[in-house]
Amino acid sequence: MTFTPEAIIQRYVYPIFWATNDEMLINRMCYGTVIYAVLTLLIRNAPYGRYYNYSYGFGVPVKLAWFIQECPSFFVPVIMVAYGKQTAYRGMVNQLCLGMFIMHYFHRSFIYPFLMKSNKPTPFLPFLFAFLTCLYNGILHGLYFVNYYHYSDEEWVYRPSFYVGFMLFLYGMKINMGADAALRNLRGWGEVGYKIPSGGLFEKVSCPNYFGEIVEMWGYALASLSPPAAAHAFFTTLFLSRRALDHHQIPAFPAVCLPHIYR
């Protein structure tokens, strides 16, 4: 057996989805993402952060957990580009579309975890599910843009949706990173408790950091008009909206509201 990304996917991933080719696998994984998104609405208070619960297994150090659980969505597409056949990965549009996905998960894997000030561990079971989810997403998005669908640069660069989506993605990333920084700067290293900034989008929506990530993913979906990106945006919307809704419930620790100008 040749250990190429394609051979590994055919041997180990095809059987899980009863797929016999890439098109069948991609379609079924997209449906799986949508079903998973709907199921997240049934989950109450995902047990990490303020909702940490020891009943979900032993704790994994939070920075290590975030790095390990998020990095498959970065490394799998990168490995497919570096060592795969690249049967569709030609031209600027494929590279930019996959680049948006990789850029997001580069930040989530290599930057965000190491800026965190909280030392509260992540329960093992949610950590494991997050890892498997990111592995799933890395395979789906990498396969679609690297080997399955080729965008014609001559046609796609004249589509307004591509540029609007790309700018929306960047704007959502700016919101997400800015809101994360505002929340992080209100807390000292190792400090417990929750403080809520005021000003900016913190006056408009419950969780601007979640809102920014949702905007990012819909920008990615609009730029690529791809089923994996649309399914991922749908999942992100439902999962983070559920998470934001949980924040309106009585918190496990008292929240402290402090004035903060969000930029």
C-alpha atoms as a PDB file:
ATOM      1  CA  MET A   1       0.000   0.000   0.000  1.00  0.00           C
ATOM      2  CA  THR A   2       1.255   3.460  -0.919  1.00  0.00           C
ATOM      3  CA  PHE A   3       0.932   5.839   2.006  1.00  0.00           C
ATOM      4  CA  THR A   4      -0.362   8.886   0.191  1.00  0.00           C
ATOM      5  CA  PRO A   5      -3.167  11.043   1.641  1.00  0.00           C
ATOM      6  CA  GLU A   6      -5.523   9.687  -1.010  1.00  0.00           C
ATOM      7  CA  ALA A   7      -4.658   6.065  -0.256  1.00  0.00           C
ATOM      8  CA  ILE A   8      -5.146   6.578   3.475  1.00  0.00           C
ATOM      9  CA  ILE A   9      -8.531   8.233   2.928  1.00  0.00           C
ATOM     10  CA  GLN A  10      -9.663   5.442   0.612  1.00  0.00           C
ATOM     11  CA  ARG A  11      -8.564   2.731   3.031  1.00  0.00           C
ATOM     12  CA  TYR A  12      -9.777   4.194   6.329  1.00  0.00           C
ATOM     13  CA  VAL A  13     -12.364   6.909   5.620  1.00  0.00           C
ATOM     14  CA  TYR A  14     -14.320   5.481   2.671  1.00  0.00           C
ATOM     15  CA  PRO A  15     -15.556   2.459   4.699  1.00  0.00           C
ATOM     16  CA  ILE A  16     -16.855   4.654   7.529  1.00  0.00           C
ATOM     17  CA  PHE A  17     -19.222   6.421   5.114  1.00  0.00           C
ATOM     18  CA  TRP A  18     -19.819   3.472   2.759  1.00  0.00           C
ATOM     19  CA  ALA A  19     -18.289   5.561  -0.017  1.00  0.00           C
ATOM     20  CA  THR A  20     -16.667   4.292  -3.186  1.00  0.00           C
ATOM     21  CA  ASN A  21     -15.380   7.580  -4.597  1.00  0.00           C
ATOM     22  CA  ASP A  22     -14.530  11.126  -3.538  1.00  0.00           C
ATOM     23  CA  GLU A  23     -17.842  12.611  -4.675  1.00  0.00           C
ATOM     24  CA  MET A  24     -19.846  10.155  -2.589  1.00  0.00           C
ATOM     25  CA  LEU A  25     -17.586  10.697   0.412  1.00  0.00           C
ATOM     26  CA  ILE A  26     -17.816  14.495   0.209  1.00  0.00           C
ATOM     27  CA  ASN A  27     -21.605  14.456  -0.134  1.00  0.00           C
ATOM     28  CA  ARG A  28     -22.056  12.145   2.829  1.00  0.00           C
ATOM     29  CA  MET A  29     -19.616  14.059   4.995  1.00  0.00           C
ATOM     30  CA  CYS A  30     -21.480  17.306   4.192  1.00  0.00           C
ATOM     31  CA  TYR A  31     -24.762  15.690   5.235  1.00  0.00           C
ATOM     32  CA  GLY A  32     -22.998  14.436   8.356  1.00  0.00           C
ATOM     33  CA  THR A  33     -21.898  17.983   9.205  1.00  0.00           C
ATOM     34  CA  VAL A  34     -25.473  19.252   8.903  1.00  0.00           C
ATOM     35  CA  ILE A  35     -26.835  16.426  11.069  1.00  0.00           C
ATOM     36  CA  TYR A  36     -24.123  17.026  13.652  1.00  0.00           C
ATOM     37  CA  ALA A  37     -25.019  20.733  13.671  1.00  0.00           C
ATOM     38  CA  VAL A  38     -28.661  19.966  14.431  1.00  0.00           C
ATOM     39  CA  LEU A  39     -27.654  17.557  17.197  1.00  0.00           C
ATOM     40  CA  THR A  40     -25.640  20.297  18.898  1.00  0.00           C
ATOM     41  CA  LEU A  41     -28.929  22.097  19.591  1.00  0.00           C
ATOM     42  CA  LEU A  42     -29.733  19.269  22.002  1.00  0.00           C
ATOM     43  CA  ILE A  43     -26.515  19.857  23.967  1.00  0.00           C
ATOM     44  CA  ARG A  44     -26.825  22.140  26.969  1.00  0.00           C
ATOM     45  CA  ASN A  45     -23.801  23.939  28.414  1.00  0.00           C
ATOM     46  CA  ALA A  46     -20.949  22.299  26.503  1.00  0.00           C
ATOM     47  CA  PRO A  47     -18.660  21.383  29.401  1.00  0.00           C
ATOM     48  CA  TYR A  48     -15.600  23.548  28.897  1.00  0.00           C
ATOM     49  CA  GLY A  49     -14.645  27.011  30.115  1.00  0.00           C
ATOM     50  CA  ARG A  50     -17.176  28.249  32.647  1.00  0.00           C
ATOM     51  CA  TYR A  51     -19.149  25.019  32.244  1.00  0.00           C
ATOM     52  CA  TYR A  52     -16.271  22.708  33.191  1.00  0.00           C
ATOM     53  CA  ASN A  53     -17.601  19.429  34.564  1.00  0.00           C
ATOM     54  CA  TYR A  54     -15.455  16.636  36.015  1.00  0.00           C
ATOM     55  CA  SER A  55     -18.069  14.046  35.038  1.00  0.00           C
ATOM     56  CA  TYR A  56     -16.749  14.306  31.448  1.00  0.00           C
ATOM     57  CA  GLY A  57     -13.405  12.806  32.345  1.00  0.00           C
ATOM     58  CA  PHE A  58     -10.057  14.006  33.567  1.00  0.00           C
ATOM     59  CA  GLY A  59      -8.859  17.429  32.557  1.00  0.00           C
ATOM     60  CA  VAL A  60      -6.357  18.137  29.787  1.00  0.00           C
ATOM     61  CA  PRO A  61      -4.204  21.287  30.210  1.00  0.00           C
ATOM     62  CA  VAL A  62      -6.167  23.931  28.349  1.00  0.00           C
ATOM     63  CA  LYS A  63      -3.433  25.257  26.050  1.00  0.00           C
ATOM     64  CA  LEU A  64      -2.318  21.772  25.077  1.00  0.00           C
ATOM     65  CA  ALA A  65      -5.931  20.709  24.559  1.00  0.00           C
ATOM     66  CA  TRP A  66      -6.731  23.640  22.271  1.00  0.00           C
ATOM     67  CA  PHE A  67      -3.589  23.074  20.195  1.00  0.00           C
ATOM     68  CA  ILE A  68      -4.120  19.328  19.760  1.00  0.00           C
ATOM     69  CA  GLN A  69      -7.859  19.469  19.138  1.00  0.00           C
ATOM     70  CA  GLU A  70      -7.728  22.261  16.547  1.00  0.00           C
ATOM     71  CA  CYS A  71      -4.558  21.386  14.627  1.00  0.00           C
ATOM     72  CA  PRO A  72      -5.966  18.525  12.465  1.00  0.00           C
ATOM     73  CA  SER A  73      -8.008  21.101  10.526  1.00  0.00           C
ATOM     74  CA  PHE A  74      -4.715  22.834   9.754  1.00  0.00           C
ATOM     75  CA  PHE A  75      -2.362  19.914   9.227  1.00  0.00           C
ATOM     76  CA  VAL A  76      -4.583  17.601   7.147  1.00  0.00           C
ATOM     77  CA  PRO A  77      -5.170  20.081   4.277  1.00  0.00           C
ATOM     78  CA  VAL A  78      -1.508  21.167   4.403  1.00  0.00           C
ATOM     79  CA  ILE A  79      -0.362  17.533   4.148  1.00  0.00           C
ATOM     80  CA  MET A  80      -2.759  16.943   1.246  1.00  0.00           C
ATOM     81  CA  VAL A  81      -1.327  19.967  -0.573  1.00  0.00           C
ATOM     82  CA  ALA A  82       2.274  18.925   0.151  1.00  0.00           C
ATOM     83  CA  TYR A  83       2.022  15.184  -0.532  1.00  0.00           C
ATOM     84  CA  GLY A  84      -1.261  14.610  -2.375  1.00  0.00           C
ATOM     85  CA  LYS A  85      -2.022  14.390  -6.067  1.00  0.00           C
ATOM     86  CA  GLN A  86      -3.472  17.923  -6.237  1.00  0.00           C
ATOM     87  CA  THR A  87      -5.806  16.923  -9.059  1.00  0.00           C
ATOM     88  CA  ALA A  88      -7.935  20.044  -8.492  1.00  0.00           C
ATOM     89  CA  TYR A  89      -5.523  22.326  -6.652  1.00  0.00           C
ATOM     90  CA  ARG A  90      -4.512  24.492  -9.574  1.00  0.00           C
ATOM     91  CA  GLY A  91      -5.007  28.196  -9.818  1.00  0.00           C
ATOM     92  CA  MET A  92      -5.568  31.070  -7.450  1.00  0.00           C
ATOM     93  CA  VAL A  93      -9.193  30.453  -6.471  1.00  0.00           C
ATOM     94  CA  ASN A  94      -8.688  26.938  -5.094  1.00  0.00           C
ATOM     95  CA  GLN A  95      -5.663  28.142  -3.173  1.00  0.00           C
ATOM     96  CA  LEU A  96      -7.408  31.210  -1.723  1.00  0.00           C
ATOM     97  CA  CYS A  97     -10.540  29.297  -0.745  1.00  0.00           C
ATOM     98  CA  LEU A  98      -8.621  26.570   1.051  1.00  0.00           C
ATOM     99  CA  GLY A  99      -6.297  29.265   2.364  1.00  0.00           C
ATOM    100  CA  MET A 100      -9.174  30.873   4.263  1.00  0.00           C
ATOM    101  CA  PHE A 101      -9.915  27.598   6.019  1.00  0.00           C
ATOM    102  CA  ILE A 102      -6.235  27.000   6.803  1.00  0.00           C
ATOM    103  CA  MET A 103      -5.747  30.588   7.982  1.00  0.00           C
ATOM    104  CA  HIS A 104      -8.600  30.278  10.464  1.00  0.00           C
ATOM    105  CA  TYR A 105      -7.280  27.060  11.938  1.00  0.00           C
ATOM    106  CA  PHE A 106      -3.692  28.297  11.989  1.00  0.00           C
ATOM    107  CA  HIS A 107      -4.886  31.037  14.320  1.00  0.00           C
ATOM    108  CA  ARG A 108      -6.976  28.628  16.399  1.00  0.00           C
ATOM    109  CA  SER A 109      -4.090  26.141  16.700  1.00  0.00           C
ATOM    110  CA  PHE A 110      -0.918  28.188  16.993  1.00  0.00           C
ATOM    111  CA  ILE A 111      -1.918  31.655  18.227  1.00  0.00           C
ATOM    112  CA  TYR A 112      -5.160  31.634  20.220  1.00  0.00           C
ATOM    113  CA  PRO A 113      -4.263  28.818  22.679  1.00  0.00           C
ATOM    114  CA  PHE A 114      -0.972  30.382  23.716  1.00  0.00           C
ATOM    115  CA  LEU A 115      -2.561  33.761  24.417  1.00  0.00           C
ATOM    116  CA  MET A 116      -5.098  32.252  26.806  1.00  0.00           C
ATOM    117  CA  LYS A 117      -4.830  33.365  30.431  1.00  0.00           C
ATOM    118  CA  SER A 118      -7.171  30.780  31.903  1.00  0.00           C
ATOM    119  CA  ASN A 119      -5.632  27.635  33.398  1.00  0.00           C
ATOM    120  CA  LYS A 120      -8.925  25.781  33.753  1.00  0.00           C
ATOM    121  CA  PRO A 121      -8.463  22.334  32.137  1.00  0.00           C
ATOM    122  CA  THR A 122     -10.569  20.950  29.309  1.00  0.00           C
ATOM    123  CA  PRO A 123     -12.481  17.725  30.136  1.00  0.00           C
ATOM    124  CA  PHE A 124     -11.186  14.773  28.142  1.00  0.00           C
ATOM    125  CA  LEU A 125     -14.451  13.782  26.447  1.00  0.00           C
ATOM    126  CA  PRO A 126     -15.207  17.221  24.897  1.00  0.00           C
ATOM    127  CA  PHE A 127     -11.516  17.449  23.960  1.00  0.00           C
ATOM    128  CA  LEU A 128     -11.745  14.103  22.146  1.00  0.00           C
ATOM    129  CA  PHE A 129     -14.920  15.112  20.287  1.00  0.00           C
ATOM    130  CA  ALA A 130     -13.341  18.427  19.273  1.00  0.00           C
ATOM    131  CA  PHE A 131     -10.259  16.606  17.953  1.00  0.00           C
ATOM    132  CA  LEU A 132     -12.365  14.182  15.907  1.00  0.00           C
ATOM    133  CA  THR A 133     -14.497  17.050  14.587  1.00  0.00           C
ATOM    134  CA  CYS A 134     -11.435  18.979  13.421  1.00  0.00           C
ATOM    135  CA  LEU A 135      -9.969  15.831  11.861  1.00  0.00           C
ATOM    136  CA  TYR A 136     -13.282  15.302  10.051  1.00  0.00           C
ATOM    137  CA  ASN A 137     -13.308  18.899   8.808  1.00  0.00           C
ATOM    138  CA  GLY A 138      -9.679  18.779   7.716  1.00  0.00           C
ATOM    139  CA  ILE A 139     -10.341  15.697   5.571  1.00  0.00           C
ATOM    140  CA  LEU A 140     -13.549  17.093   4.062  1.00  0.00           C
ATOM    141  CA  HIS A 141     -12.278  20.554   3.169  1.00  0.00           C
ATOM    142  CA  GLY A 142      -8.830  19.386   2.121  1.00  0.00           C
ATOM    143  CA  LEU A 143     -10.257  16.706  -0.160  1.00  0.00           C
ATOM    144  CA  TYR A 144     -12.750  19.088  -1.777  1.00  0.00           C
ATOM    145  CA  PHE A 145     -10.329  21.888  -2.653  1.00  0.00           C
ATOM    146  CA  VAL A 146      -7.182  19.838  -3.297  1.00  0.00           C
ATOM    147  CA  ASN A 147      -8.486  16.850  -5.216  1.00  0.00           C
ATOM    148  CA  TYR A 148     -12.163  17.174  -6.078  1.00  0.00           C
ATOM    149  CA  TYR A 149     -13.407  20.540  -7.376  1.00  0.00           C
ATOM    150  CA  HIS A 150     -11.340  22.820  -9.595  1.00  0.00           C
ATOM    151  CA  TYR A 151     -12.383  26.462  -9.843  1.00  0.00           C
ATOM    152  CA  SER A 152     -11.771  28.198 -13.148  1.00  0.00           C
ATOM    153  CA  ASP A 153      -9.829  31.352 -12.356  1.00  0.00           C
ATOM    154  CA  GLU A 154     -11.001  32.970 -15.594  1.00  0.00           C
ATOM    155  CA  GLU A 155     -14.635  32.572 -14.535  1.00  0.00           C
ATOM    156  CA  TRP A 156     -14.471  32.853 -10.760  1.00  0.00           C
ATOM    157  CA  VAL A 157     -12.446  36.063 -10.461  1.00  0.00           C
ATOM    158  CA  TYR A 158     -15.315  37.939 -12.123  1.00  0.00           C
ATOM    159  CA  ARG A 159     -17.878  36.760  -9.586  1.00  0.00           C
ATOM    160  CA  PRO A 160     -18.784  39.428  -6.986  1.00  0.00           C
ATOM    161  CA  SER A 161     -19.587  36.676  -4.470  1.00  0.00           C
ATOM    162  CA  PHE A 162     -15.927  35.656  -4.389  1.00  0.00           C
ATOM    163  CA  TYR A 163     -14.694  39.116  -3.408  1.00  0.00           C
ATOM    164  CA  VAL A 164     -17.593  39.872  -1.061  1.00  0.00           C
ATOM    165  CA  GLY A 165     -17.122  36.524   0.663  1.00  0.00           C
ATOM    166  CA  PHE A 166     -13.379  37.000   1.019  1.00  0.00           C
ATOM    167  CA  MET A 167     -13.815  40.476   2.541  1.00  0.00           C
ATOM    168  CA  LEU A 168     -16.561  39.168   4.824  1.00  0.00           C
ATOM    169  CA  PHE A 169     -14.209  36.427   5.988  1.00  0.00           C
ATOM    170  CA  LEU A 170     -11.495  38.956   6.847  1.00  0.00           C
ATOM    171  CA  TYR A 171     -14.004  41.222   8.596  1.00  0.00           C
ATOM    172  CA  GLY A 172     -15.311  38.307  10.672  1.00  0.00           C
ATOM    173  CA  MET A 173     -11.775  37.344  11.635  1.00  0.00           C
ATOM    174  CA  LYS A 174     -11.124  40.925  12.744  1.00  0.00           C
ATOM    175  CA  ILE A 175     -14.247  40.881  14.922  1.00  0.00           C
ATOM    176  CA  ASN A 176     -13.374  37.483  16.370  1.00  0.00           C
ATOM    177  CA  MET A 177      -9.774  38.325  17.196  1.00  0.00           C
ATOM    178  CA  GLY A 178     -10.660  41.769  18.559  1.00  0.00           C
ATOM    179  CA  ALA A 179     -13.390  40.396  20.825  1.00  0.00           C
ATOM    180  CA  ASP A 180     -11.097  37.612  22.056  1.00  0.00           C
ATOM    181  CA  ALA A 181      -8.444  40.203  22.875  1.00  0.00           C
ATOM    182  CA  ALA A 182     -10.974  42.392  24.728  1.00  0.00           C
ATOM    183  CA  LEU A 183     -12.097  39.452  26.859  1.00  0.00           C
ATOM    184  CA  ARG A 184      -8.538  38.309  27.468  1.00  0.00           C
ATOM    185  CA  ASN A 185      -7.303  41.753  28.513  1.00  0.00           C
ATOM    186  CA  LEU A 186      -9.888  41.963  31.299  1.00  0.00           C
ATOM    187  CA  ARG A 187      -8.380  38.982  33.097  1.00  0.00           C
ATOM    188  CA  GLY A 188      -5.012  38.515  34.745  1.00  0.00           C
ATOM    189  CA  TRP A 189      -2.934  35.371  34.259  1.00  0.00           C
ATOM    190  CA  GLY A 190      -4.558  32.479  36.089  1.00  0.00           C
ATOM    191  CA  GLU A 191      -7.426  34.669  37.320  1.00  0.00           C
ATOM    192  CA  VAL A 192     -10.834  33.010  37.731  1.00  0.00           C
ATOM    193  CA  GLY A 193     -14.282  34.509  37.303  1.00  0.00           C
ATOM    194  CA  TYR A 194     -15.822  36.159  34.281  1.00  0.00           C
ATOM    195  CA  LYS A 195     -15.773  39.795  33.265  1.00  0.00           C
ATOM    196  CA  ILE A 196     -17.896  41.224  30.496  1.00  0.00           C
ATOM    197  CA  PRO A 197     -16.531  44.113  28.427  1.00  0.00           C
ATOM    198  CA  SER A 198     -18.794  46.950  27.382  1.00  0.00           C
ATOM    199  CA  GLY A 199     -18.758  49.076  24.275  1.00  0.00           C
ATOM    200  CA  GLY A 200     -18.645  48.201  20.586  1.00  0.00           C
ATOM    201  CA  LEU A 201     -20.309  44.961  19.556  1.00  0.00           C
ATOM    202  CA  PHE A 202     -20.506  43.873  23.192  1.00  0.00           C
ATOM    203  CA  GLU A 203     -23.486  46.263  23.358  1.00  0.00           C
ATOM    204  CA  LYS A 204     -25.110  44.702  20.279  1.00  0.00           C
ATOM    205  CA  VAL A 205     -24.697  40.935  20.515  1.00  0.00           C
ATOM    206  CA  SER A 206     -24.182  38.473  23.353  1.00  0.00           C
ATOM    207  CA  CYS A 207     -20.817  37.127  22.250  1.00  0.00           C
ATOM    208  CA  PRO A 208     -18.963  39.153  19.584  1.00  0.00           C
ATOM    209  CA  ASN A 209     -16.195  36.555  19.474  1.00  0.00           C
ATOM    210  CA  TYR A 210     -18.705  33.905  18.419  1.00  0.00           C
ATOM    211  CA  PHE A 211     -20.455  36.334  16.075  1.00  0.00           C
ATOM    212  CA  GLY A 212     -17.143  37.116  14.368  1.00  0.00           C
ATOM    213  CA  GLU A 213     -16.419  33.440  13.782  1.00  0.00           C
ATOM    214  CA  ILE A 214     -19.893  32.918  12.336  1.00  0.00           C
ATOM    215  CA  VAL A 215     -19.334  35.854   9.954  1.00  0.00           C
ATOM    216  CA  GLU A 216     -15.949  34.367   8.996  1.00  0.00           C
ATOM    217  CA  MET A 217     -17.438  31.031   8.054  1.00  0.00           C
ATOM    218  CA  TRP A 218     -20.292  32.509   6.031  1.00  0.00           C
ATOM    219  CA  GLY A 219     -17.743  34.658   4.196  1.00  0.00           C
ATOM    220  CA  TYR A 220     -15.786  31.485   3.431  1.00  0.00           C
ATOM    221  CA  ALA A 221     -18.985  29.814   2.214  1.00  0.00           C
ATOM    222  CA  LEU A 222     -19.935  32.791   0.024  1.00  0.00           C
ATOM    223  CA  ALA A 223     -16.471  33.072  -1.520  1.00  0.00           C
ATOM    224  CA  SER A 224     -16.257  29.380  -2.424  1.00  0.00           C
ATOM    225  CA  LEU A 225     -19.960  28.518  -2.856  1.00  0.00           C
ATOM    226  CA  SER A 226     -18.930  25.002  -1.875  1.00  0.00           C
ATOM    227  CA  PRO A 227     -21.059  22.425  -0.029  1.00  0.00           C
ATOM    228  CA  PRO A 228     -18.368  21.756   2.627  1.00  0.00           C
ATOM    229  CA  ALA A 229     -18.013  25.468   3.414  1.00  0.00           C
ATOM    230  CA  ALA A 230     -21.792  26.003   3.540  1.00  0.00           C
ATOM    231  CA  ALA A 231     -22.228  22.976   5.817  1.00  0.00           C
ATOM    232  CA  HIS A 232     -19.402  24.202   8.035  1.00  0.00           C
ATOM    233  CA  ALA A 233     -20.926  27.695   8.255  1.00  0.00           C
ATOM    234  CA  PHE A 234     -24.276  26.129   9.192  1.00  0.00           C
ATOM    235  CA  PHE A 235     -22.593  24.031  11.892  1.00  0.00           C
ATOM    236  CA  THR A 236     -20.662  27.027  13.247  1.00  0.00           C
ATOM    237  CA  THR A 237     -23.848  29.112  13.409  1.00  0.00           C
ATOM    238  CA  LEU A 238     -25.863  26.523  15.320  1.00  0.00           C
ATOM    239  CA  PHE A 239     -23.063  25.425  17.640  1.00  0.00           C
ATOM    240  CA  LEU A 240     -21.907  28.904  18.630  1.00  0.00           C
ATOM    241  CA  SER A 241     -25.456  30.253  18.835  1.00  0.00           C
ATOM    242  CA  ARG A 242     -26.254  27.455  21.268  1.00  0.00           C
ATOM    243  CA  ARG A 243     -23.136  28.354  23.210  1.00  0.00           C
ATOM    244  CA  ALA A 244     -24.071  32.054  23.277  1.00  0.00           C
ATOM    245  CA  LEU A 245     -27.580  31.183  24.422  1.00  0.00           C
ATOM    246  CA  ASP A 246     -26.113  29.205  27.313  1.00  0.00           C
ATOM    247  CA  HIS A 247     -24.287  32.342  28.422  1.00  0.00           C
ATOM    248  CA  HIS A 248     -27.672  33.896  29.220  1.00  0.00           C
ATOM    249  CA  GLN A 249     -28.347  31.222  31.803  1.00  0.00           C
ATOM    250  CA  ILE A 250     -27.267  31.612  35.427  1.00  0.00           C
ATOM    251  CA  PRO A 251     -23.458  31.216  35.327  1.00  0.00           C
ATOM    252  CA  ALA A 252     -21.503  28.867  37.513  1.00  0.00           C
ATOM    253  CA  PHE A 253     -19.513  31.846  38.832  1.00  0.00           C
ATOM    254  CA  PRO A 254     -20.656  35.432  39.161  1.00  0.00           C
ATOM    255  CA  ALA A 255     -19.825  37.565  36.152  1.00  0.00           C
ATOM    256  CA  VAL A 256     -18.281  40.955  36.658  1.00  0.00           C
ATOM    257  CA  CYS A 257     -19.174  43.742  34.249  1.00  0.00           C
ATOM    258  CA  LEU A 258     -16.384  46.218  33.711  1.00  0.00           C
ATOM    259  CA  PRO A 259     -16.255  49.134  31.290  1.00  0.00           C
ATOM    260  CA  HIS A 260     -14.003  48.448  28.352  1.00  0.00           C
ATOM    261  CA  ILE A 261     -13.787  50.136  24.992  1.00  0.00           C
ATOM    262  CA  TYR A 262     -13.879  47.454  22.323  1.00  0.00           C
ATOM    263  CA  ARG A 263     -12.183  48.302  19.083  1.00  0.00           C
END
